[in-house]
All heavy atoms as atom14 arrays in JSON, in Angstrom:
{
  "sequence": "LIVALLGGVIAIAVINFKHFHKPQTAIHEATTGALVAIGNT",
  "atom14_mask": [
    [1, 1, 1, 1, 1, 1, 1, 1, 0, 0, 0, 0, 0, 0],
    [1, 1, 1, 1, 1, 1, 1, 1, 0, 0, 0, 0, 0, 0],
    [1, 1, 1, 1, 1, 1, 1, 0, 0, 0, 0, 0, 0, 0],
    [1, 1, 1, 1, 1, 0, 0, 0, 0, 0, 0, 0, 0, 0],
    [1, 1, 1, 1, 1, 1, 1, 1, 0, 0, 0, 0, 0, 0],
    [1, 1, 1, 1, 1, 1, 1, 1, 0, 0, 0, 0, 0, 0],
    [1, 1, 1, 1, 0, 0, 0, 0, 0, 0, 0, 0, 0, 0],
    [1, 1, 1, 1, 0, 0, 0, 0, 0, 0, 0, 0, 0, 0],
    [1, 1, 1, 1, 1, 1, 1, 0, 0, 0, 0, 0, 0, 0],
    [1, 1, 1, 1, 1, 1, 1, 1, 0, 0, 0, 0, 0, 0],
    [1, 1, 1, 1, 1, 0, 0, 0, 0, 0, 0, 0, 0, 0],
    [1, 1, 1, 1, 1, 1, 1, 1, 0, 0, 0, 0, 0, 0],
    [1, 1, 1, 1, 1, 0, 0, 0, 0, 0, 0, 0, 0, 0],
    [1, 1, 1, 1, 1, 1, 1, 0, 0, 0, 0, 0, 0, 0],
    [1, 1, 1, 1, 1, 1, 1, 1, 0, 0, 0, 0, 0, 0],
    [1, 1, 1, 1, 1, 1, 1, 1, 0, 0, 0, 0, 0, 0],
    [1, 1, 1, 1, 1, 1, 1, 1, 1, 1, 1, 0, 0, 0],
    [1, 1, 1, 1, 1, 1, 1, 1, 1, 0, 0, 0, 0, 0],
    [1, 1, 1, 1, 1, 1, 1, 1, 1, 1, 0, 0, 0, 0],
    [1, 1, 1, 1, 1, 1, 1, 1, 1, 1, 1, 0, 0, 0],
    [1, 1, 1, 1, 1, 1, 1, 1, 1, 1, 0, 0, 0, 0],
    [1, 1, 1, 1, 1, 1, 1, 1, 1, 0, 0, 0, 0, 0],
    [1, 1, 1, 1, 1, 1, 1, 0, 0, 0, 0, 0, 0, 0],
    [1, 1, 1, 1, 1, 1, 1, 1, 1, 0, 0, 0, 0, 0],
    [1, 1, 1, 1, 1, 1, 1, 0, 0, 0, 0, 0, 0, 0],
    [1, 1, 1, 1, 1, 0, 0, 0, 0, 0, 0, 0, 0, 0],
    [1, 1, 1, 1, 1, 1, 1, 1, 0, 0, 0, 0, 0, 0],
    [1, 1, 1, 1, 1, 1, 1, 1, 1, 1, 0, 0, 0, 0],
    [1, 1, 1, 1, 1, 1, 1, 1, 1, 0, 0, 0, 0, 0],
    [1, 1, 1, 1, 1, 0, 0, 0, 0, 0, 0, 0, 0, 0],
    [1, 1, 1, 1, 1, 1, 1, 0, 0, 0, 0, 0, 0, 0],
    [1, 1, 1, 1, 1, 1, 1, 0, 0, 0, 0, 0, 0, 0],
    [1, 1, 1, 1, 0, 0, 0, 0, 0, 0, 0, 0, 0, 0],
    [1, 1, 1, 1, 1, 0, 0, 0, 0, 0, 0, 0, 0, 0],
    [1, 1, 1, 1, 1, 1, 1, 1, 0, 0, 0, 0, 0, 0],
    [1, 1, 1, 1, 1, 1, 1, 0, 0, 0, 0, 0, 0, 0],
    [1, 1, 1, 1, 1, 0, 0, 0, 0, 0, 0, 0, 0, 0],
    [1, 1, 1, 1, 1, 1, 1, 1, 0, 0, 0, 0, 0, 0],
    [1, 1, 1, 1, 0, 0, 0, 0, 0, 0, 0, 0, 0, 0],
    [1, 1, 1, 1, 1, 1, 1, 1, 0, 0, 0, 0, 0, 0],
    [1, 1, 1, 1, 1, 1, 1, 0, 0, 0, 0, 0, 0, 0]
  ],
  "atom14_positions": [
    [[-14.66, -10.81, -1.08], [-14.46, -9.37, -1.15], [-14.36, -8.87, -2.58], [-14.8, -7.76, -2.89], [-13.19, -8.97, -0.38], [-13.32, -8.88, 1.14], [-11.98, -8.6, 1.76], [-14.34, -7.82, 1.52], [0.0, 0.0, 0.0], [0.0, 0.0, 0.0], [0.0, 0.0, 0.0], [0.0, 0.0, 0.0], [0.0, 0.0, 0.0], [0.0, 0.0, 0.0]],
    [[-13.79, -9.68, -3.45], [-13.69, -9.29, -4.86], [-15.09, -9.15, -5.45], [-15.4, -8.16, -6.13], [-12.85, -10.31, -5.65], [-11.42, -10.35, -5.11], [-12.85, -9.97, -7.13], [-10.54, -11.39, -5.78], [0.0, 0.0, 0.0], [0.0, 0.0, 0.0], [0.0, 0.0, 0.0], [0.0, 0.0, 0.0], [0.0, 0.0, 0.0], [0.0, 0.0, 0.0]],
    [[-15.94, -10.15, -5.18], [-17.31, -10.11, -5.67], [-18.06, -8.92, -5.07], [-18.77, -8.18, -5.77], [-18.04, -11.42, -5.32], [-19.51, -11.36, -5.74], [-17.35, -12.61, -5.98], [0.0, 0.0, 0.0], [0.0, 0.0, 0.0], [0.0, 0.0, 0.0], [0.0, 0.0, 0.0], [0.0, 0.0, 0.0], [0.0, 0.0, 0.0], [0.0, 0.0, 0.0]],
    [[-17.9, -8.72, -3.76], [-18.62, -7.65, -3.07], [-18.2, -6.28, -3.58], [-19.05, -5.41, -3.86], [-18.37, -7.76, -1.57], [0.0, 0.0, 0.0], [0.0, 0.0, 0.0], [0.0, 0.0, 0.0], [0.0, 0.0, 0.0], [0.0, 0.0, 0.0], [0.0, 0.0, 0.0], [0.0, 0.0, 0.0], [0.0, 0.0, 0.0], [0.0, 0.0, 0.0]],
    [[-16.9, -6.06, -3.71], [-16.43, -4.75, -4.16], [-16.75, -4.48, -5.62], [-17.09, -3.36, -6.0], [-14.92, -4.64, -3.93], [-14.51, -4.49, -2.47], [-13.02, -4.72, -2.3], [-14.9, -3.12, -1.95], [0.0, 0.0, 0.0], [0.0, 0.0, 0.0], [0.0, 0.0, 0.0], [0.0, 0.0, 0.0], [0.0, 0.0, 0.0], [0.0, 0.0, 0.0]],
    [[-16.66, -5.53, -6.44], [-17.04, -5.37, -7.85], [-18.51, -5.0, -7.95], [-18.89, -4.12, -8.73], [-16.76, -6.66, -8.62], [-17.08, -6.63, -10.12], [-16.24, -5.55, -10.82], [-16.8, -8.0, -10.75], [0.0, 0.0, 0.0], [0.0, 0.0, 0.0], [0.0, 0.0, 0.0], [0.0, 0.0, 0.0], [0.0, 0.0, 0.0], [0.0, 0.0, 0.0]],
    [[-19.34, -5.66, -7.13], [-20.76, -5.31, -7.1], [-20.99, -3.88, -6.66], [-21.83, -3.16, -7.21], [0.0, 0.0, 0.0], [0.0, 0.0, 0.0], [0.0, 0.0, 0.0], [0.0, 0.0, 0.0], [0.0, 0.0, 0.0], [0.0, 0.0, 0.0], [0.0, 0.0, 0.0], [0.0, 0.0, 0.0], [0.0, 0.0, 0.0], [0.0, 0.0, 0.0]],
    [[-20.21, -3.42, -5.65], [-20.34, -2.05, -5.18], [-19.92, -1.03, -6.22], [-20.58, -0.01, -6.39], [0.0, 0.0, 0.0], [0.0, 0.0, 0.0], [0.0, 0.0, 0.0], [0.0, 0.0, 0.0], [0.0, 0.0, 0.0], [0.0, 0.0, 0.0], [0.0, 0.0, 0.0], [0.0, 0.0, 0.0], [0.0, 0.0, 0.0], [0.0, 0.0, 0.0]],
    [[-18.82, -1.31, -6.92], [-18.34, -0.41, -7.97], [-19.37, -0.31, -9.1], [-19.69, 0.79, -9.59], [-16.98, -0.9, -8.53], [-16.61, -0.13, -9.79], [-15.89, -0.73, -7.47], [0.0, 0.0, 0.0], [0.0, 0.0, 0.0], [0.0, 0.0, 0.0], [0.0, 0.0, 0.0], [0.0, 0.0, 0.0], [0.0, 0.0, 0.0], [0.0, 0.0, 0.0]],
    [[-19.91, -1.46, -9.51], [-20.92, -1.46, -10.57], [-22.18, -0.72, -10.11], [-22.77, 0.08, -10.86], [-21.27, -2.9, -10.99], [-20.06, -3.55, -11.67], [-22.49, -2.92, -11.93], [-20.25, -5.03, -11.97], [0.0, 0.0, 0.0], [0.0, 0.0, 0.0], [0.0, 0.0, 0.0], [0.0, 0.0, 0.0], [0.0, 0.0, 0.0], [0.0, 0.0, 0.0]],
    [[-22.57, -0.94, -8.86], [-23.78, -0.3, -8.34], [-23.65, 1.21, -8.34], [-24.56, 1.93, -8.79], [-24.06, -0.81, -6.92], [0.0, 0.0, 0.0], [0.0, 0.0, 0.0], [0.0, 0.0, 0.0], [0.0, 0.0, 0.0], [0.0, 0.0, 0.0], [0.0, 0.0, 0.0], [0.0, 0.0, 0.0], [0.0, 0.0, 0.0], [0.0, 0.0, 0.0]],
    [[-22.53, 1.73, -7.85], [-22.39, 3.18, -7.8], [-22.24, 3.78, -9.19], [-22.71, 4.88, -9.48], [-21.21, 3.59, -6.88], [-21.32, 5.07, -6.53], [-19.87, 3.3, -7.53], [-20.38, 5.5, -5.44], [0.0, 0.0, 0.0], [0.0, 0.0, 0.0], [0.0, 0.0, 0.0], [0.0, 0.0, 0.0], [0.0, 0.0, 0.0], [0.0, 0.0, 0.0]],
    [[-21.6, 3.03, -10.11], [-21.45, 3.51, -11.48], [-22.8, 3.59, -12.19], [-23.07, 4.54, -12.94], [-20.49, 2.61, -12.25], [0.0, 0.0, 0.0], [0.0, 0.0, 0.0], [0.0, 0.0, 0.0], [0.0, 0.0, 0.0], [0.0, 0.0, 0.0], [0.0, 0.0, 0.0], [0.0, 0.0, 0.0], [0.0, 0.0, 0.0], [0.0, 0.0, 0.0]],
    [[-23.65, 2.61, -11.95], [-24.97, 2.58, -12.61], [-25.91, 3.6, -11.98], [-26.55, 4.4, -12.68], [-25.57, 1.16, -12.52], [-27.02, 1.16, -13.0], [-24.75, 0.19, -13.35], [0.0, 0.0, 0.0], [0.0, 0.0, 0.0], [0.0, 0.0, 0.0], [0.0, 0.0, 0.0], [0.0, 0.0, 0.0], [0.0, 0.0, 0.0], [0.0, 0.0, 0.0]],
    [[-25.99, 3.6, -10.66], [-26.94, 4.47, -9.96], [-26.6, 5.94, -10.15], [-27.47, 6.79, -10.33], [-26.99, 4.12, -8.46], [-27.54, 2.7, -8.26], [-27.85, 5.12, -7.69], [-27.45, 2.2, -6.84], [0.0, 0.0, 0.0], [0.0, 0.0, 0.0], [0.0, 0.0, 0.0], [0.0, 0.0, 0.0], [0.0, 0.0, 0.0], [0.0, 0.0, 0.0]],
    [[-25.29, 6.25, -10.11], [-24.87, 7.65, -10.16], [-24.15, 8.01, -11.46], [-23.33, 8.93, -11.5], [-23.94, 7.96, -8.97], [-24.67, 7.94, -7.66], [-25.73, 8.52, -7.53], [-24.1, 7.25, -6.68], [0.0, 0.0, 0.0], [0.0, 0.0, 0.0], [0.0, 0.0, 0.0], [0.0, 0.0, 0.0], [0.0, 0.0, 0.0], [0.0, 0.0, 0.0]],
    [[-24.47, 7.31, -12.53], [-23.77, 7.51, -13.8], [-23.79, 8.96, -14.25], [-22.78, 9.53, -14.66], [-24.38, 6.61, -14.88], [-23.69, 6.74, -16.21], [-22.47, 6.11, -16.44], [-24.24, 7.5, -17.23], [-21.81, 6.24, -17.66], [-23.6, 7.64, -18.45], [-22.39, 7.0, -18.67], [0.0, 0.0, 0.0], [0.0, 0.0, 0.0], [0.0, 0.0, 0.0]],
    [[-24.95, 9.61, -14.16], [-25.08, 10.98, -14.65], [-24.4, 12.01, -13.74], [-24.28, 13.18, -14.11], [-26.55, 11.34, -14.83], [-27.35, 11.38, -13.53], [-28.8, 11.77, -13.79], [-29.61, 11.83, -12.5], [-31.02, 12.22, -12.77], [0.0, 0.0, 0.0], [0.0, 0.0, 0.0], [0.0, 0.0, 0.0], [0.0, 0.0, 0.0], [0.0, 0.0, 0.0]],
    [[-23.98, 11.56, -12.57], [-23.35, 12.48, -11.62], [-21.82, 12.42, -11.66], [-21.16, 13.15, -10.91], [-23.82, 12.19, -10.19], [-25.27, 12.5, -9.96], [-25.74, 13.78, -9.8], [-26.35, 11.69, -9.89], [-27.05, 13.76, -9.62], [-27.45, 12.5, -9.67], [0.0, 0.0, 0.0], [0.0, 0.0, 0.0], [0.0, 0.0, 0.0], [0.0, 0.0, 0.0]],
    [[-21.25, 11.56, -12.51], [-19.79, 11.52, -12.64], [-19.28, 12.87, -13.13], [-19.87, 13.48, -14.03], [-19.36, 10.43, -13.61], [-19.14, 9.09, -12.96], [-20.04, 8.05, -13.16], [-18.03, 8.87, -12.15], [-19.84, 6.82, -12.56], [-17.82, 7.64, -11.55], [-18.73, 6.62, -11.75], [0.0, 0.0, 0.0], [0.0, 0.0, 0.0], [0.0, 0.0, 0.0]],
    [[-18.17, 13.32, -12.55], [-17.56, 14.59, -12.95], [-16.41, 14.33, -13.92], [-16.43, 14.78, -15.07], [-17.06, 15.34, -11.71], [-16.31, 16.59, -12.01], [-16.79, 17.57, -12.86], [-15.09, 17.02, -11.58], [-15.9, 18.55, -12.94], [-14.87, 18.24, -12.18], [0.0, 0.0, 0.0], [0.0, 0.0, 0.0], [0.0, 0.0, 0.0], [0.0, 0.0, 0.0]],
    [[-15.41, 13.59, -13.47], [-14.27, 13.22, -14.31], [-13.96, 11.74, -14.08], [-13.03, 11.39, -13.35], [-13.03, 14.07, -13.97], [-13.19, 15.55, -14.31], [-11.91, 16.3, -13.96], [-12.02, 17.78, -14.32], [-10.78, 18.53, -13.96], [0.0, 0.0, 0.0], [0.0, 0.0, 0.0], [0.0, 0.0, 0.0], [0.0, 0.0, 0.0], [0.0, 0.0, 0.0]],
    [[-14.72, 10.85, -14.71], [-14.56, 9.41, -14.44], [-13.17, 8.88, -14.79], [-12.62, 8.04, -14.06], [-15.64, 8.75, -15.31], [-16.0, 9.79, -16.33], [-15.8, 11.11, -15.67], [0.0, 0.0, 0.0], [0.0, 0.0, 0.0], [0.0, 0.0, 0.0], [0.0, 0.0, 0.0], [0.0, 0.0, 0.0], [0.0, 0.0, 0.0], [0.0, 0.0, 0.0]],
    [[-12.58, 9.36, -15.89], [-11.25, 8.89, -16.26], [-10.21, 9.29, -15.22], [-9.31, 8.51, -14.87], [-10.86, 9.43, -17.64], [-11.66, 8.83, -18.79], [-11.44, 7.33, -18.91], [-10.35, 6.82, -18.64], [-12.47, 6.62, -19.33], [0.0, 0.0, 0.0], [0.0, 0.0, 0.0], [0.0, 0.0, 0.0], [0.0, 0.0, 0.0], [0.0, 0.0, 0.0]],
    [[-10.33, 10.52, -14.72], [-9.42, 10.98, -13.67], [-9.6, 10.17, -12.4], [-8.62, 9.81, -11.73], [-9.65, 12.46, -13.38], [-9.46, 13.23, -14.58], [-8.71, 12.96, -12.31], [0.0, 0.0, 0.0], [0.0, 0.0, 0.0], [0.0, 0.0, 0.0], [0.0, 0.0, 0.0], [0.0, 0.0, 0.0], [0.0, 0.0, 0.0], [0.0, 0.0, 0.0]],
    [[-10.84, 9.87, -12.07], [-11.13, 9.08, -10.87], [-10.51, 7.69, -10.97], [-9.91, 7.19, -10.01], [-12.64, 8.97, -10.66], [0.0, 0.0, 0.0], [0.0, 0.0, 0.0], [0.0, 0.0, 0.0], [0.0, 0.0, 0.0], [0.0, 0.0, 0.0], [0.0, 0.0, 0.0], [0.0, 0.0, 0.0], [0.0, 0.0, 0.0], [0.0, 0.0, 0.0]],
    [[-10.62, 7.06, -12.14], [-10.05, 5.73, -12.34], [-8.53, 5.78, -12.24], [-7.89, 4.92, -11.61], [-10.49, 5.15, -13.7], [-11.99, 4.86, -13.68], [-9.71, 3.88, -14.02], [-12.54, 4.44, -15.03], [0.0, 0.0, 0.0], [0.0, 0.0, 0.0], [0.0, 0.0, 0.0], [0.0, 0.0, 0.0], [0.0, 0.0, 0.0], [0.0, 0.0, 0.0]],
    [[-7.93, 6.81, -12.85], [-6.47, 6.95, -12.8], [-6.0, 7.13, -11.37], [-5.04, 6.47, -10.93], [-6.05, 8.16, -13.64], [-4.6, 8.52, -13.5], [-3.58, 7.76, -14.05], [-3.99, 9.55, -12.84], [-2.42, 8.3, -13.72], [-2.64, 9.39, -13.01], [0.0, 0.0, 0.0], [0.0, 0.0, 0.0], [0.0, 0.0, 0.0], [0.0, 0.0, 0.0]],
    [[-6.65, 8.01, -10.62], [-6.24, 8.25, -9.23], [-6.47, 7.01, -8.37], [-5.69, 6.74, -7.45], [-7.01, 9.44, -8.67], [-6.61, 10.77, -9.32], [-7.39, 11.95, -8.76], [-8.36, 11.69, -7.99], [-7.06, 13.1, -9.08], [0.0, 0.0, 0.0], [0.0, 0.0, 0.0], [0.0, 0.0, 0.0], [0.0, 0.0, 0.0], [0.0, 0.0, 0.0]],
    [[-7.54, 6.27, -8.66], [-7.84, 5.07, -7.89], [-6.78, 4.01, -8.09], [-6.31, 3.38, -7.13], [-9.21, 4.53, -8.28], [0.0, 0.0, 0.0], [0.0, 0.0, 0.0], [0.0, 0.0, 0.0], [0.0, 0.0, 0.0], [0.0, 0.0, 0.0], [0.0, 0.0, 0.0], [0.0, 0.0, 0.0], [0.0, 0.0, 0.0], [0.0, 0.0, 0.0]],
    [[-6.38, 3.79, -9.34], [-5.37, 2.75, -9.62], [-4.02, 3.14, -9.05], [-3.31, 2.31, -8.47], [-5.26, 2.51, -11.13], [-5.04, 3.76, -11.81], [-6.53, 1.89, -11.68], [0.0, 0.0, 0.0], [0.0, 0.0, 0.0], [0.0, 0.0, 0.0], [0.0, 0.0, 0.0], [0.0, 0.0, 0.0], [0.0, 0.0, 0.0], [0.0, 0.0, 0.0]],
    [[-3.66, 4.42, -9.19], [-2.38, 4.88, -8.63], [-2.38, 4.75, -7.11], [-1.41, 4.28, -6.5], [-2.11, 6.34, -9.04], [-2.12, 6.45, -10.46], [-0.78, 6.82, -8.49], [0.0, 0.0, 0.0], [0.0, 0.0, 0.0], [0.0, 0.0, 0.0], [0.0, 0.0, 0.0], [0.0, 0.0, 0.0], [0.0, 0.0, 0.0], [0.0, 0.0, 0.0]],
    [[-3.48, 5.19, -6.49], [-3.59, 5.09, -5.03], [-3.53, 3.66, -4.53], [-2.91, 3.38, -3.5], [0.0, 0.0, 0.0], [0.0, 0.0, 0.0], [0.0, 0.0, 0.0], [0.0, 0.0, 0.0], [0.0, 0.0, 0.0], [0.0, 0.0, 0.0], [0.0, 0.0, 0.0], [0.0, 0.0, 0.0], [0.0, 0.0, 0.0], [0.0, 0.0, 0.0]],
    [[-4.15, 2.75, -5.28], [-4.14, 1.34, -4.88], [-2.73, 0.77, -4.93], [-2.31, 0.02, -4.03], [-5.07, 0.54, -5.78], [0.0, 0.0, 0.0], [0.0, 0.0, 0.0], [0.0, 0.0, 0.0], [0.0, 0.0, 0.0], [0.0, 0.0, 0.0], [0.0, 0.0, 0.0], [0.0, 0.0, 0.0], [0.0, 0.0, 0.0], [0.0, 0.0, 0.0]],
    [[-1.98, 1.12, -5.97], [-0.61, 0.62, -6.11], [0.28, 1.15, -4.99], [1.11, 0.41, -4.44], [-0.05, 1.01, -7.47], [-0.64, 0.27, -8.68], [-0.11, 0.86, -9.98], [-0.32, -1.22, -8.6], [0.0, 0.0, 0.0], [0.0, 0.0, 0.0], [0.0, 0.0, 0.0], [0.0, 0.0, 0.0], [0.0, 0.0, 0.0], [0.0, 0.0, 0.0]],
    [[0.15, 2.43, -4.67], [0.95, 3.01, -3.58], [0.59, 2.35, -2.26], [1.48, 1.98, -1.46], [0.73, 4.53, -3.51], [1.4, 5.1, -2.26], [1.27, 5.21, -4.75], [0.0, 0.0, 0.0], [0.0, 0.0, 0.0], [0.0, 0.0, 0.0], [0.0, 0.0, 0.0], [0.0, 0.0, 0.0], [0.0, 0.0, 0.0], [0.0, 0.0, 0.0]],
    [[-0.7, 2.16, -2.02], [-1.15, 1.59, -0.75], [-0.67, 0.16, -0.57], [-0.13, -0.2, 0.48], [-2.68, 1.64, -0.67], [0.0, 0.0, 0.0], [0.0, 0.0, 0.0], [0.0, 0.0, 0.0], [0.0, 0.0, 0.0], [0.0, 0.0, 0.0], [0.0, 0.0, 0.0], [0.0, 0.0, 0.0], [0.0, 0.0, 0.0], [0.0, 0.0, 0.0]],
    [[-0.86, -0.66, -1.6], [-0.46, -2.06, -1.47], [1.06, -2.2, -1.46], [1.62, -3.07, -0.79], [-1.1, -2.92, -2.59], [-1.08, -4.4, -2.19], [-0.39, -2.72, -3.94], [-1.89, -5.29, -3.09], [0.0, 0.0, 0.0], [0.0, 0.0, 0.0], [0.0, 0.0, 0.0], [0.0, 0.0, 0.0], [0.0, 0.0, 0.0], [0.0, 0.0, 0.0]],
    [[1.76, -1.3, -2.17], [3.21, -1.33, -2.15], [3.78, -0.99, -0.79], [4.7, -1.67, -0.29], [0.0, 0.0, 0.0], [0.0, 0.0, 0.0], [0.0, 0.0, 0.0], [0.0, 0.0, 0.0], [0.0, 0.0, 0.0], [0.0, 0.0, 0.0], [0.0, 0.0, 0.0], [0.0, 0.0, 0.0], [0.0, 0.0, 0.0], [0.0, 0.0, 0.0]],
    [[3.24, 0.04, -0.14], [3.69, 0.43, 1.2], [3.48, -0.72, 2.19], [4.36, -1.03, 3.01], [2.91, 1.65, 1.69], [3.47, 2.94, 1.12], [4.65, 3.03, 0.8], [2.63, 3.95, 0.98], [0.0, 0.0, 0.0], [0.0, 0.0, 0.0], [0.0, 0.0, 0.0], [0.0, 0.0, 0.0], [0.0, 0.0, 0.0], [0.0, 0.0, 0.0]],
    [[2.29, -1.33, 2.1], [1.99, -2.43, 3.03], [2.87, -3.63, 2.76], [3.4, -4.26, 3.7], [0.51, -2.83, 2.9], [-0.31, -1.66, 2.98], [0.12, -3.79, 4.0], [0.0, 0.0, 0.0], [0.0, 0.0, 0.0], [0.0, 0.0, 0.0], [0.0, 0.0, 0.0], [0.0, 0.0, 0.0], [0.0, 0.0, 0.0], [0.0, 0.0, 0.0]]
  ]
}
């Protein structure tokens, strides 16, 4: 799953690079959301 998800993240970043709106905000929200989700579980 680590390999698969890393591949998916790289794929969407490369294919849709010019369509990013606020990439830094997206990364911040993603990391925060992941910590909350795994902490709750």
